[in-house]
Amino acid sequence: MRKLLLKRLKASLRDDTGSELVEFALCAIVFFTVILGTIDVGRAMFLYHFVSAAAQNGSRYAIVRGASWTGSCQSAAPPKFTLGYACQASADDVQNYVKASTGVNPDNLSVNTTWPGTTPSCSSSCSLCSKTNNKGCMVKVQVTYTFHFLMPFLPSNAIYFKGTSMKTIQQ
């Protein structure tokens, strides 16, 4: 009996049944980690591009709606978005426009709109720009997005993507 038991033990130690399952499990973990990590980095690259485009769209919105905007109060954003405020570009208007016309989480998005009080040709305060949204003056829109990776082995700290656009008010 002891001989038979020893023979079966040696046979089972030489048997490699199930080793493919273990190898597949190890390879699958590495494979899916690489795939999901690539997707996460792709999300970060998309948001990096998105932030700069959102700043440009916000500053464009502000330069078209300066102090003397007399056009329709309908927005050029998606049809579901209708403006319910006077068509002069205030900081809140620009922020509402940028947040409403995006496809990302608006809670992680901050929009800061300022009027530096300068014209494109001078770097200091000009008498023309005593009122912040006069024609010929500059508007500066800065969009910041707080990004978190989903993968646990990537940095857990927030990454801040920032885009800035400065344009001259046209209206």
Protein backbone atom coordinates (compact mmCIF):
# COMPACT_ATOMS: atom_id res chain seq x y z
CA MET A 1 0.00 0.00 0.00
CA ARG A 2 2.77 2.36 0.88
CA LYS A 3 4.43 1.67 -2.46
CA LEU A 4 1.21 2.43 -4.30
CA LEU A 5 0.79 5.69 -2.42
CA LEU A 6 4.34 6.73 -3.18
CA LYS A 7 3.87 5.85 -6.86
CA ARG A 8 0.70 7.97 -7.09
CA LEU A 9 2.40 10.91 -5.36
CA LYS A 10 5.31 10.82 -7.83
CA ALA A 11 2.90 10.59 -10.75
CA SER A 12 0.87 13.57 -9.55
CA LEU A 13 4.01 15.64 -9.06
CA ARG A 14 5.01 15.00 -12.69
CA ASP A 15 1.51 15.72 -13.97
CA ASP A 16 1.15 19.23 -15.50
CA THR A 17 -2.62 19.23 -15.82
CA GLY A 18 -3.95 22.71 -15.01
CA SER A 19 -0.68 24.51 -15.62
CA GLU A 20 -2.20 26.22 -18.66
CA LEU A 21 -4.85 27.77 -16.43
CA VAL A 22 -2.23 29.22 -14.10
CA GLU A 23 -0.18 30.55 -17.03
CA PHE A 24 -3.29 32.10 -18.58
CA ALA A 25 -4.23 33.78 -15.29
CA LEU A 26 -0.78 35.33 -14.95
CA CYS A 27 -0.71 36.50 -18.57
CA ALA A 28 -4.29 37.82 -18.41
CA ILE A 29 -3.49 39.98 -15.40
CA VAL A 30 -0.56 41.59 -17.20
CA PHE A 31 -2.51 41.93 -20.47
CA PHE A 32 -5.58 43.57 -18.94
CA THR A 33 -3.45 45.84 -16.77
CA VAL A 34 -1.68 47.13 -19.87
CA ILE A 35 -4.96 47.59 -21.76
CA LEU A 36 -6.75 49.39 -18.92
CA GLY A 37 -3.67 51.50 -18.17
CA THR A 38 -3.56 52.55 -21.83
CA ILE A 39 -7.23 53.52 -21.69
CA ASP A 40 -6.62 55.58 -18.55
CA VAL A 41 -3.67 57.41 -20.10
CA GLY A 42 -5.85 58.01 -23.18
CA ARG A 43 -8.47 59.62 -20.94
CA ALA A 44 -5.79 61.91 -19.53
CA MET A 45 -4.64 62.90 -23.02
CA PHE A 46 -8.24 63.61 -24.07
CA LEU A 47 -8.77 65.88 -21.05
CA TYR A 48 -5.47 67.66 -21.68
CA HIS A 49 -6.70 68.53 -25.18
CA PHE A 50 -10.22 69.27 -23.96
CA VAL A 51 -9.06 71.87 -21.42
CA SER A 52 -7.27 73.99 -24.02
CA ALA A 53 -10.21 73.76 -26.43
CA ALA A 54 -12.64 74.74 -23.65
CA ALA A 55 -10.54 77.82 -22.82
CA GLN A 56 -10.53 78.84 -26.49
CA ASN A 57 -14.30 78.34 -26.78
CA GLY A 58 -14.90 80.34 -23.59
CA SER A 59 -12.75 83.24 -24.74
CA ARG A 60 -14.42 83.19 -28.15
CA TYR A 61 -17.81 83.36 -26.42
CA ALA A 62 -16.59 86.36 -24.39
CA ILE A 63 -15.12 88.30 -27.34
CA VAL A 64 -18.28 87.99 -29.40
CA ARG A 65 -20.48 89.15 -26.51
CA GLY A 66 -18.74 92.31 -25.34
CA ALA A 67 -20.33 95.39 -23.82
CA SER A 68 -22.42 96.23 -26.89
CA TRP A 69 -23.81 92.82 -27.96
CA THR A 70 -27.14 93.35 -29.72
CA GLY A 71 -27.57 89.93 -31.30
CA SER A 72 -29.95 87.15 -30.40
CA CYS A 73 -29.61 85.55 -26.99
CA GLN A 74 -29.50 82.06 -28.53
CA SER A 75 -26.27 80.23 -28.01
CA ALA A 76 -24.11 78.57 -30.64
CA ALA A 77 -23.72 75.63 -28.26
CA PRO A 78 -25.81 72.47 -28.63
CA PRO A 79 -29.52 73.16 -29.28
CA LYS A 80 -30.54 72.13 -25.76
CA PHE A 81 -28.64 75.14 -24.33
CA THR A 82 -30.53 78.45 -24.28
CA LEU A 83 -29.14 81.52 -22.59
CA GLY A 84 -31.33 83.03 -19.92
CA TYR A 85 -29.29 86.15 -19.25
CA ALA A 86 -28.40 89.43 -20.92
CA CYS A 87 -26.04 88.84 -23.79
CA GLN A 88 -23.05 90.56 -22.26
CA ALA A 89 -20.21 88.30 -21.33
CA SER A 90 -19.77 88.28 -17.58
CA ALA A 91 -17.53 85.79 -15.80
CA ASP A 92 -20.56 83.73 -14.77
CA ASP A 93 -21.88 83.69 -18.34
CA VAL A 94 -18.59 82.36 -19.68
CA GLN A 95 -18.42 79.76 -16.93
CA ASN A 96 -22.01 78.60 -17.60
CA TYR A 97 -21.30 78.41 -21.33
CA VAL A 98 -18.13 76.34 -20.92
CA LYS A 99 -19.68 73.97 -18.38
CA ALA A 100 -22.89 73.51 -20.41
CA SER A 101 -21.16 72.74 -23.68
CA THR A 102 -18.83 70.03 -22.41
CA GLY A 103 -18.98 66.27 -22.16
CA VAL A 104 -16.97 65.96 -18.95
CA ASN A 105 -17.81 66.10 -15.26
CA PRO A 106 -18.59 69.78 -14.55
CA ASP A 107 -17.81 69.29 -10.84
CA ASN A 108 -14.12 68.81 -11.71
CA LEU A 109 -14.10 71.81 -14.06
CA SER A 110 -13.38 75.38 -12.98
CA VAL A 111 -13.50 78.42 -15.25
CA ASN A 112 -11.86 81.73 -14.34
CA THR A 113 -12.60 84.69 -16.60
CA THR A 114 -10.79 88.00 -16.17
CA TRP A 115 -10.43 91.20 -18.09
CA PRO A 116 -6.85 92.39 -17.57
CA GLY A 117 -7.74 95.93 -18.66
CA THR A 118 -5.24 95.99 -21.51
CA THR A 119 -5.32 96.11 -25.26
CA PRO A 120 -3.23 93.80 -27.44
CA SER A 121 -0.76 96.60 -28.22
CA CYS A 122 -0.03 97.69 -24.65
CA SER A 123 0.95 95.74 -21.59
CA SER A 124 -0.31 98.17 -18.96
CA SER A 125 -3.70 99.63 -18.15
CA CYS A 126 -5.20 101.74 -20.95
CA SER A 127 -7.89 104.41 -20.77
CA LEU A 128 -9.80 102.56 -23.51
CA CYS A 129 -10.11 99.58 -21.20
CA SER A 130 -11.45 101.36 -18.14
CA LYS A 131 -14.60 99.28 -18.54
CA THR A 132 -13.59 95.65 -18.49
CA ASN A 133 -15.48 94.37 -21.51
CA ASN A 134 -14.98 97.21 -24.00
CA LYS A 135 -14.29 96.55 -27.65
CA GLY A 136 -10.56 96.25 -28.32
CA CYS A 137 -9.69 95.10 -24.80
CA MET A 138 -8.47 91.68 -23.81
CA VAL A 139 -10.35 88.87 -22.09
CA LYS A 140 -8.55 85.97 -20.45
CA VAL A 141 -10.24 82.62 -19.82
CA GLN A 142 -8.50 79.97 -17.76
CA VAL A 143 -10.02 76.47 -17.53
CA THR A 144 -8.77 73.93 -14.97
CA TYR A 145 -9.80 70.29 -14.76
CA THR A 146 -9.03 67.99 -11.83
CA PHE A 147 -8.22 64.50 -13.12
CA HIS A 148 -7.90 61.24 -11.21
CA PHE A 149 -6.61 58.00 -12.71
CA LEU A 150 -8.86 54.96 -12.32
CA MET A 151 -6.08 52.39 -12.21
CA PRO A 152 -4.85 51.77 -8.66
CA PHE A 153 -1.14 51.57 -9.54
CA LEU A 154 -1.09 54.93 -11.34
CA PRO A 155 -0.65 58.15 -9.33
CA SER A 156 -3.51 58.57 -6.87
CA ASN A 157 -2.97 62.31 -6.46
CA ALA A 158 -5.07 64.63 -8.56
CA ILE A 159 -3.54 65.96 -11.75
CA TYR A 160 -4.58 69.46 -12.75
CA PHE A 161 -4.87 70.24 -16.44
CA LYS A 162 -4.92 73.96 -17.16
CA GLY A 163 -5.67 75.80 -20.39
CA THR A 164 -5.55 79.55 -20.91
CA SER A 165 -6.78 81.64 -23.82
CA MET A 166 -6.50 85.40 -24.22
CA LYS A 167 -8.33 87.20 -27.04
CA THR A 168 -9.43 90.70 -28.06
CA ILE A 169 -13.11 91.64 -27.65
CA GLN A 170 -14.66 92.20 -31.05
CA GLN A 171 -18.14 93.55 -30.26
